[in-house]
Amino acid sequence: MKRVTTLLSGIFVAALVASCDTGAGDNNVKVEEVGRRTITQTVTGSGKIRPETEVSISSETSGAITFLGVQEGDSVRANQLLVRINPDLVNTQLEQMEAAVAAAEARSTAAKAVFTRSQENVKRVTALYEKNYASAEELELATAEQQQAESSLNASLRDYDRAVASLKQTKATAGRTTIYSPIGGVVTRLNVEEGENVVGTAQMQGTEMMRVSDMSVMNTRIEVAETDIVLVSIGDTARIEVDAIPDTVFNGVVYQISNSAMTSAAGTLEEVVNFEVRIRLVDNDPRFRPGMSCSAEIETDTQVDALSVPLQAVTIRKVEEAKAEGEESFDDQPDIVSTSDERPPTIVFVAEDNKAVVREVETGVSDKGYIQITSGLNEGESVVTGSFRAISKELKDGSEITVDSTSVRMGANK
């Protein structure tokens, strides 16, 4: 029994020694040379295809549709007849307004006659008063009656002007029972049928009968995250992919950036803040339809011949942590988190003489695979690009490494 215990102890010690001997030297990593390439920074978003000019058409008068001259999808030209509304209701209003004008005119004529008579009465009483045949009280009464008649005349004239203005408005409304297209384009939405009653905008919001869109100039309206919107500028180039037209990339230009946020799930943990960006499509396609889903990739910055490394080669770690000896295993090491207000530096590991050497770097723009290095590295140096676990946790300054034979040796674009 004692012999078995001794044998097990020997095996445990040997395994522990072997583990210690191979700890640092088993860092099998991939490297890539620092090279120069063109890096284009992009911002992505998703949204819908929309015509740049889209007009909603409603009637200003209420009534039944007696004529509907278009169907959804029809092409129309400017000033083409679209709809006629039954004018019976507005004609009744027109008759009422004409009667109101006539009544106001009659009242103003009567008031004018009363005012003229009051003027003559004041003249007569004044002459009698000068000859002492009329009292001062009679003169004051005649003057007051004249002032009252003048006020009544002015009020009746204003009522007449108001009635005339109402008549003009009703005539204008009557003329709008026939509706013409304000622009040339395509009927992209039709909400009514012939014989259907519509509500005029004079009473309330009114019935939207149809939409006419100018399909010659199409846009896409996408939502961009608040963290990326500061990178987008008017005039930036965009590449648009439409879900309904696969394997085709359309070019566009940013022409408008919203200043108002679009917030969803406000006040909750899922709150999302986006901003609308409008992109004018340079490449139009007859297959475009308003409302089609699309995604856009906006090119916000391009650096030509930029010194760069793969994204996975760059990490953020405290230099003192990266330089520590650290004999603990990966699972036993705490996460590397900055304990001060200062942001930990950006570092890479440079492969020198089969060792990983910490190097602080400054970065610039990045694309999907590479990031620009503005200082800290020289062209031709080899940086560790993998594994992620080795770069973010395991490697220390001076750690021995074994370079994978499949590593990329030339980092520049071909």
Protein backbone atom coordinates (compact mmCIF):
# COMPACT_ATOMS: atom_id res chain seq x y z
CA MET A 1 0.00 0.00 0.00
CA LYS A 2 2.83 2.38 0.84
CA ARG A 3 4.42 1.61 -2.52
CA VAL A 4 1.26 2.54 -4.41
CA THR A 5 0.98 5.86 -2.51
CA THR A 6 4.62 6.73 -3.30
CA LEU A 7 4.08 5.95 -7.00
CA LEU A 8 1.02 8.22 -7.24
CA SER A 9 2.89 11.05 -5.54
CA GLY A 10 5.74 10.73 -8.04
CA ILE A 11 3.35 10.89 -10.98
CA PHE A 12 1.68 14.05 -9.57
CA VAL A 13 5.02 15.82 -9.04
CA ALA A 14 6.20 14.93 -12.55
CA ALA A 15 3.00 16.25 -14.08
CA LEU A 16 3.31 19.49 -12.11
CA VAL A 17 6.92 19.99 -13.23
CA ALA A 18 5.99 19.31 -16.85
CA SER A 19 3.19 21.84 -16.61
CA CYS A 20 5.55 24.50 -15.25
CA ASP A 21 8.18 23.80 -17.90
CA THR A 22 5.80 24.20 -20.83
CA GLY A 23 3.68 27.11 -19.56
CA ALA A 24 5.15 30.06 -21.50
CA GLY A 25 6.61 28.19 -24.39
CA ASP A 26 3.30 26.73 -25.57
CA ASN A 27 1.98 30.07 -26.87
CA ASN A 28 1.30 29.04 -30.46
CA VAL A 29 0.30 32.28 -32.21
CA LYS A 30 -0.31 33.70 -35.63
CA VAL A 31 1.49 36.81 -36.86
CA GLU A 32 1.14 39.22 -39.75
CA GLU A 33 3.45 41.87 -41.08
CA VAL A 34 2.52 45.53 -40.70
CA GLY A 35 1.67 46.77 -44.17
CA ARG A 36 0.06 49.63 -46.06
CA ARG A 37 -3.42 49.52 -47.54
CA THR A 38 -6.41 51.71 -48.27
CA ILE A 39 -8.82 51.71 -45.34
CA THR A 40 -12.37 52.96 -45.70
CA GLN A 41 -14.34 53.56 -42.53
CA THR A 42 -18.05 52.81 -42.89
CA VAL A 43 -21.29 53.30 -40.98
CA THR A 44 -24.23 50.98 -41.59
CA GLY A 45 -27.97 51.36 -41.23
CA SER A 46 -31.23 49.93 -42.51
CA GLY A 47 -34.39 51.58 -43.75
CA LYS A 48 -36.83 51.95 -46.65
CA ILE A 49 -36.83 53.12 -50.26
CA ARG A 50 -38.82 56.34 -50.75
CA PRO A 51 -39.44 58.74 -53.65
CA GLU A 52 -37.85 62.12 -53.04
CA THR A 53 -41.12 63.84 -54.01
CA GLU A 54 -44.35 62.27 -52.78
CA VAL A 55 -47.62 64.25 -52.71
CA SER A 56 -50.65 63.29 -50.64
CA ILE A 57 -53.89 64.31 -52.36
CA SER A 58 -57.04 65.13 -50.38
CA SER A 59 -60.25 66.93 -51.23
CA GLU A 60 -61.10 70.29 -49.70
CA THR A 61 -64.82 69.54 -50.10
CA SER A 62 -66.94 66.68 -48.79
CA GLY A 63 -69.07 64.51 -51.04
CA ALA A 64 -69.24 61.42 -53.19
CA ILE A 65 -66.67 60.67 -55.88
CA THR A 66 -68.41 60.88 -59.23
CA PHE A 67 -65.31 60.31 -61.35
CA LEU A 68 -62.03 58.52 -60.62
CA GLY A 69 -59.66 58.68 -63.55
CA VAL A 70 -56.66 56.64 -62.32
CA GLN A 71 -55.74 53.32 -60.80
CA GLU A 72 -52.84 52.47 -58.51
CA GLY A 73 -49.63 52.18 -60.52
CA ASP A 74 -50.81 54.48 -63.33
CA SER A 75 -48.44 57.13 -64.62
CA VAL A 76 -49.87 60.66 -64.57
CA ARG A 77 -48.68 64.01 -65.86
CA ALA A 78 -48.91 67.38 -64.13
CA ASN A 79 -52.42 68.95 -64.28
CA GLN A 80 -54.04 65.69 -65.36
CA LEU A 81 -57.63 65.21 -64.13
CA LEU A 82 -57.74 62.74 -61.26
CA VAL A 83 -61.03 63.03 -59.37
CA ARG A 84 -64.37 64.82 -59.45
CA ILE A 85 -66.42 65.29 -56.27
CA ASN A 86 -70.23 65.68 -56.42
CA PRO A 87 -70.69 69.47 -56.07
CA ASP A 88 -74.27 69.41 -54.67
CA LEU A 89 -73.23 70.23 -51.09
CA VAL A 90 -70.87 73.02 -52.05
CA ASN A 91 -73.44 74.40 -54.49
CA THR A 92 -75.91 74.66 -51.62
CA GLN A 93 -73.31 76.51 -49.59
CA LEU A 94 -72.70 78.78 -52.57
CA GLU A 95 -76.40 79.69 -52.73
CA GLN A 96 -76.39 80.46 -49.02
CA MET A 97 -73.37 82.73 -49.38
CA GLU A 98 -74.94 84.56 -52.33
CA ALA A 99 -78.08 85.14 -50.27
CA ALA A 100 -75.99 86.37 -47.34
CA VAL A 101 -74.22 88.87 -49.60
CA ALA A 102 -77.55 90.18 -50.92
CA ALA A 103 -78.88 90.56 -47.36
CA ALA A 104 -75.75 92.36 -46.21
CA GLU A 105 -75.95 94.67 -49.19
CA ALA A 106 -79.60 95.52 -48.38
CA ARG A 107 -78.73 96.23 -44.75
CA SER A 108 -75.89 98.52 -45.74
CA THR A 109 -78.18 100.40 -48.17
CA ALA A 110 -80.78 100.92 -45.41
CA ALA A 111 -78.10 102.03 -42.96
CA LYS A 112 -76.76 104.50 -45.51
CA ALA A 113 -80.25 106.01 -45.93
CA VAL A 114 -80.64 106.40 -42.16
CA PHE A 115 -77.23 108.03 -41.93
CA THR A 116 -78.08 110.49 -44.76
CA ARG A 117 -81.33 111.43 -43.04
CA SER A 118 -79.53 111.99 -39.73
CA GLN A 119 -77.06 114.29 -41.44
CA GLU A 120 -79.88 116.41 -42.89
CA ASN A 121 -81.58 116.50 -39.51
CA VAL A 122 -78.41 117.82 -37.84
CA LYS A 123 -78.15 120.59 -40.44
CA ARG A 124 -81.75 121.60 -39.91
CA VAL A 125 -81.54 121.62 -36.07
CA THR A 126 -78.27 123.55 -36.23
CA ALA A 127 -79.87 126.29 -38.34
CA LEU A 128 -82.82 126.54 -35.96
CA TYR A 129 -80.48 126.58 -32.96
CA GLU A 130 -78.53 129.52 -34.44
CA LYS A 131 -81.83 131.47 -34.70
CA ASN A 132 -82.84 130.40 -31.16
CA TYR A 133 -85.75 128.33 -32.50
CA ALA A 134 -84.25 125.05 -31.17
CA SER A 135 -82.74 124.19 -27.83
CA ALA A 136 -79.22 122.90 -27.17
CA GLU A 137 -80.74 119.62 -26.03
CA GLU A 138 -82.43 119.13 -29.40
CA LEU A 139 -79.09 119.78 -31.17
CA GLU A 140 -77.27 117.28 -28.96
CA LEU A 141 -79.96 114.66 -29.62
CA ALA A 142 -79.73 115.17 -33.40
CA THR A 143 -75.91 114.91 -33.27
CA ALA A 144 -76.07 111.68 -31.22
CA GLU A 145 -78.54 110.15 -33.71
CA GLN A 146 -76.15 111.02 -36.55
CA GLN A 147 -73.21 109.34 -34.76
CA GLN A 148 -75.32 106.24 -34.07
CA ALA A 149 -76.42 106.06 -37.72
CA GLU A 150 -72.81 106.39 -38.86
CA SER A 151 -71.73 103.51 -36.61
CA SER A 152 -74.57 101.34 -37.91
CA LEU A 153 -73.55 102.15 -41.50
CA ASN A 154 -69.90 101.19 -40.84
CA ALA A 155 -70.96 97.93 -39.19
CA SER A 156 -73.24 97.04 -42.10
CA LEU A 157 -70.45 97.75 -44.59
CA ARG A 158 -68.11 95.44 -42.68
CA ASP A 159 -70.77 92.72 -42.66
CA TYR A 160 -71.12 93.14 -46.41
CA ASP A 161 -67.31 92.79 -46.90
CA ARG A 162 -67.31 89.66 -44.75
CA ALA A 163 -70.17 88.12 -46.71
CA VAL A 164 -68.40 88.88 -50.00
CA ALA A 165 -65.19 87.24 -48.70
CA SER A 166 -67.14 84.14 -47.62
CA LEU A 167 -68.73 83.98 -51.05
CA LYS A 168 -65.29 84.10 -52.71
CA GLN A 169 -64.08 81.28 -50.45
CA THR A 170 -67.11 79.14 -51.27
CA LYS A 171 -66.65 79.78 -54.99
CA ALA A 172 -63.01 78.72 -54.69
CA THR A 173 -64.06 75.55 -52.84
CA ALA A 174 -66.69 74.85 -55.48
CA GLY A 175 -64.00 75.07 -58.12
CA ARG A 176 -61.96 72.45 -56.26
CA THR A 177 -64.47 69.67 -56.59
CA THR A 178 -62.41 68.85 -59.68
CA ILE A 179 -58.91 67.71 -58.63
CA TYR A 180 -55.85 67.67 -60.87
CA SER A 181 -52.43 66.12 -60.31
CA PRO A 182 -49.96 68.69 -58.93
CA ILE A 183 -46.93 66.82 -60.30
CA GLY A 184 -46.03 64.22 -62.87
CA GLY A 185 -45.34 60.77 -61.50
CA VAL A 186 -46.93 57.47 -60.54
CA VAL A 187 -49.97 56.78 -58.38
CA THR A 188 -48.27 54.83 -55.59
CA ARG A 189 -51.29 54.63 -53.29
CA LEU A 190 -55.04 54.73 -53.96
CA ASN A 191 -57.35 54.68 -50.94
CA VAL A 192 -60.77 55.37 -52.51
CA GLU A 193 -63.15 54.02 -55.11
CA GLU A 194 -65.66 55.75 -57.39
CA GLY A 195 -68.90 56.43 -55.51
CA GLU A 196 -67.19 56.55 -52.12
CA ASN A 197 -67.83 59.55 -49.84
CA VAL A 198 -64.85 61.61 -48.74
CA VAL A 199 -64.48 64.21 -46.00
CA GLY A 200 -63.05 67.58 -47.00
CA THR A 201 -60.09 69.16 -45.26
CA ALA A 202 -62.22 72.25 -44.56
CA GLN A 203 -64.07 70.30 -41.85
CA MET A 204 -61.26 68.24 -40.28
CA GLN A 205 -58.18 66.26 -41.24
CA GLY A 206 -59.94 65.02 -44.35
CA THR A 207 -59.66 61.85 -46.42
CA GLU A 208 -56.37 61.03 -48.11
CA MET A 209 -57.51 59.79 -51.49
CA MET A 210 -54.20 58.92 -53.11
CA ARG A 211 -50.49 59.59 -53.34
CA VAL A 212 -48.60 60.60 -56.45
CA SER A 213 -44.83 60.04 -56.40
CA ASP A 214 -42.07 61.22 -58.69
CA MET A 215 -40.25 57.93 -59.23
CA SER A 216 -37.48 59.52 -61.30
CA VAL A 217 -35.55 60.45 -58.14
CA MET A 218 -35.50 57.81 -55.42
CA ASN A 219 -34.06 58.00 -51.92
CA THR A 220 -33.48 55.70 -49.02
CA ARG A 221 -34.14 56.75 -45.46
CA ILE A 222 -32.09 54.76 -43.00
CA GLU A 223 -31.64 54.85 -39.24
CA VAL A 224 -28.10 55.28 -37.89
CA ALA A 225 -27.12 54.68 -34.27
CA GLU A 226 -26.35 57.74 -32.16
CA THR A 227 -22.78 56.51 -31.62
CA ASP A 228 -22.14 56.58 -35.39
CA ILE A 229 -24.13 59.60 -36.55
CA VAL A 230 -21.29 62.02 -35.69
CA LEU A 231 -19.15 60.29 -38.32
CA VAL A 232 -21.63 60.88 -41.15
CA SER A 233 -21.42 64.03 -43.30
CA ILE A 234 -23.48 65.38 -46.17
CA GLY A 235 -21.88 64.29 -49.43
CA ASP A 236 -20.61 60.93 -48.14
CA THR A 237 -20.77 58.06 -50.60
CA ALA A 238 -23.09 55.17 -49.76
CA ARG A 239 -23.57 51.63 -51.06
CA ILE A 240 -27.17 50.40 -50.87
CA GLU A 241 -28.46 46.84 -51.02
CA VAL A 242 -32.19 46.31 -51.59
CA ASP A 243 -33.64 43.12 -50.14
CA ALA A 244 -35.91 42.58 -53.15
CA ILE A 245 -33.04 42.95 -55.64
CA PRO A 246 -30.25 40.65 -54.39
CA ASP A 247 -26.68 40.58 -55.67
CA THR A 248 -26.90 44.22 -56.76
CA VAL A 249 -25.26 47.20 -55.04
CA PHE A 250 -26.59 50.68 -55.79
CA ASN A 251 -24.62 53.89 -55.32
CA GLY A 252 -25.94 56.85 -53.38
CA VAL A 253 -24.98 60.16 -51.75
CA VAL A 254 -25.96 61.43 -48.31
CA TYR A 255 -27.96 64.64 -48.75
CA GLN A 256 -29.74 65.13 -45.42
CA ILE A 257 -29.02 64.24 -41.78
CA SER A 258 -31.75 64.60 -39.19
CA ASN A 259 -31.15 66.72 -36.10
CA SER A 260 -33.99 65.04 -34.20
CA ALA A 261 -33.54 61.69 -32.52
CA MET A 262 -35.85 58.73 -33.14
CA THR A 263 -36.25 57.00 -29.77
CA SER A 264 -37.82 53.60 -29.26
CA ALA A 265 -38.64 51.91 -25.94
CA ALA A 266 -37.95 55.19 -24.14
CA GLY A 267 -37.34 54.92 -20.41
CA THR A 268 -36.56 51.21 -20.49
CA LEU A 269 -33.38 49.16 -20.59
CA GLU A 270 -34.09 48.49 -24.27
CA GLU A 271 -34.14 52.20 -25.18
CA VAL A 272 -32.57 52.81 -28.59
CA VAL A 273 -31.74 56.23 -30.05
CA ASN A 274 -31.24 56.54 -33.80
CA PHE A 275 -31.07 59.38 -36.32
CA GLU A 276 -32.54 59.40 -39.81
CA VAL A 277 -30.16 59.80 -42.73
CA ARG A 278 -31.48 60.39 -46.23
CA ILE A 279 -29.48 59.08 -49.18
CA ARG A 280 -30.22 60.02 -52.79
CA LEU A 281 -29.82 57.00 -55.06
CA VAL A 282 -27.54 57.75 -57.99
CA ASP A 283 -28.41 54.47 -59.66
CA ASN A 284 -32.18 54.32 -60.25
CA ASP A 285 -33.96 51.10 -61.13
CA PRO A 286 -37.47 50.65 -62.57
CA ARG A 287 -38.00 47.79 -60.12
CA PHE A 288 -37.88 50.16 -57.13
CA ARG A 289 -41.12 50.44 -55.16
CA PRO A 290 -41.79 52.80 -52.25
CA GLY A 291 -41.43 50.97 -48.94
CA MET A 292 -38.88 48.36 -50.07
CA SER A 293 -36.50 47.36 -47.30
CA CYS A 294 -32.82 48.12 -47.79
CA SER A 295 -29.51 48.44 -45.97
CA ALA A 296 -26.84 51.05 -46.58
CA GLU A 297 -23.13 51.27 -45.93
CA ILE A 298 -21.92 54.87 -45.76
CA GLU A 299 -18.24 55.55 -46.44
CA THR A 300 -17.36 58.21 -43.85
CA ASP A 301 -13.56 58.35 -44.20
CA THR A 302 -10.88 56.87 -46.47
CA GLN A 303 -7.17 56.70 -45.74
CA VAL A 304 -4.97 55.78 -48.71
CA ASP A 305 -1.66 53.96 -48.18
CA ALA A 306 -2.29 53.78 -44.44
CA LEU A 307 -0.05 51.78 -42.12
CA SER A 308 -2.37 49.12 -40.73
CA VAL A 309 -2.72 45.85 -38.85
CA PRO A 310 -5.59 43.37 -38.48
CA LEU A 311 -8.27 44.42 -36.01
CA GLN A 312 -7.75 41.33 -33.86
CA ALA A 313 -4.12 42.30 -33.25
CA VAL A 314 -5.12 45.39 -31.27
CA THR A 315 -6.35 45.23 -27.70
CA ILE A 316 -6.79 47.52 -24.71
CA ARG A 317 -4.87 46.42 -21.63
CA LYS A 318 -3.05 48.10 -18.80
CA VAL A 319 0.65 48.10 -19.61
CA GLU A 320 1.60 47.00 -16.10
CA GLU A 321 -0.72 44.00 -16.45
CA ALA A 322 0.73 43.09 -19.83
CA LYS A 323 4.26 43.33 -18.38
CA ALA A 324 3.55 41.32 -15.22
CA GLU A 325 5.15 37.93 -14.84
CA GLY A 326 1.87 36.20 -13.96
CA GLU A 327 2.33 32.47 -13.37
CA GLU A 328 -1.38 31.89 -12.71
CA SER A 329 -3.44 29.97 -15.23
CA PHE A 330 -5.86 31.72 -17.58
CA ASP A 331 -8.89 30.62 -15.57
CA ASP A 332 -7.42 31.94 -12.33
CA GLN A 333 -6.50 35.40 -13.66
CA PRO A 334 -8.95 38.23 -12.94
CA ASP A 335 -10.28 40.31 -15.82
CA ILE A 336 -7.98 43.19 -16.75
CA VAL A 337 -10.01 46.26 -15.80
CA SER A 338 -8.75 49.79 -15.30
CA THR A 339 -9.04 50.90 -11.67
CA SER A 340 -8.46 54.57 -12.48
CA ASP A 341 -10.35 57.13 -14.47
CA GLU A 342 -7.68 57.04 -17.18
CA ARG A 343 -8.48 54.83 -20.14
CA PRO A 344 -6.04 51.92 -20.54
CA PRO A 345 -3.74 52.31 -23.54
CA THR A 346 -4.11 50.53 -26.85
CA ILE A 347 -1.40 47.91 -27.37
CA VAL A 348 -0.22 45.25 -29.78
CA PHE A 349 2.25 42.42 -29.32
CA VAL A 350 5.21 42.53 -31.69
CA ALA A 351 6.95 39.25 -32.51
CA GLU A 352 10.71 39.68 -31.89
CA ASP A 353 13.12 36.71 -31.60
CA ASN A 354 10.29 34.29 -30.75
CA LYS A 355 9.03 36.58 -27.99
CA ALA A 356 5.97 38.79 -27.69
CA VAL A 357 6.92 42.41 -26.95
CA VAL A 358 4.28 44.90 -25.78
CA ARG A 359 4.03 48.02 -27.91
CA GLU A 360 1.70 50.97 -27.24
CA VAL A 361 0.12 52.31 -30.42
CA GLU A 362 -2.23 55.04 -31.58
CA THR A 363 -4.99 54.09 -34.01
CA GLY A 364 -7.04 55.84 -36.67
CA VAL A 365 -9.87 54.69 -38.92
CA SER A 366 -10.82 51.06 -39.39
CA ASP A 367 -12.77 48.90 -41.77
CA LYS A 368 -14.15 45.39 -41.38
CA GLY A 369 -10.73 43.77 -41.19
CA TYR A 370 -7.95 46.30 -40.55
CA ILE A 371 -7.25 49.35 -38.44
CA GLN A 372 -4.90 52.26 -39.16
CA ILE A 373 -1.83 52.68 -36.97
CA THR A 374 -0.78 56.32 -36.69
CA SER A 375 2.17 55.77 -34.34
CA GLY A 376 3.98 53.00 -32.47
CA LEU A 377 4.79 50.58 -35.31
CA ASN A 378 6.96 50.47 -38.39
CA GLU A 379 6.20 48.89 -41.71
CA GLY A 380 7.44 45.32 -41.97
CA GLU A 381 7.26 44.50 -38.26
CA SER A 382 5.34 41.37 -37.33
CA VAL A 383 2.43 41.65 -34.92
CA VAL A 384 0.60 38.84 -33.16
CA THR A 385 -2.88 38.40 -34.67
CA GLY A 386 -4.18 35.38 -32.77
CA SER A 387 -5.48 33.74 -30.88
CA PHE A 388 -7.89 36.18 -29.24
CA ARG A 389 -7.37 34.49 -25.89
CA ALA A 390 -3.62 34.87 -26.17
CA ILE A 391 -3.76 38.55 -27.09
CA SER A 392 -6.39 39.59 -24.58
CA LYS A 393 -5.33 37.46 -21.60
CA GLU A 394 -2.36 35.13 -21.84
CA LEU A 395 0.51 36.99 -23.50
CA LYS A 396 2.84 39.07 -21.36
CA ASP A 397 5.71 41.29 -22.33
CA GLY A 398 8.53 38.88 -23.15
CA SER A 399 6.39 35.74 -23.36
CA GLU A 400 7.92 33.05 -25.53
CA ILE A 401 5.85 32.30 -28.60
CA THR A 402 5.75 29.78 -31.40
CA VAL A 403 4.74 31.24 -34.75
CA ASP A 404 2.12 29.29 -36.68
CA SER A 405 3.38 28.28 -40.11
CA THR A 406 0.14 29.53 -41.69
CA SER A 407 0.78 33.12 -40.59
CA VAL A 408 0.51 35.86 -43.19
CA ARG A 409 3.89 37.37 -43.94
CA MET A 410 2.84 40.17 -46.25
CA GLY A 411 0.30 42.65 -44.89
CA ALA A 412 0.12 45.14 -47.76
CA ASN A 413 -2.62 45.19 -50.37
CA LYS A 414 -1.87 43.57 -53.66
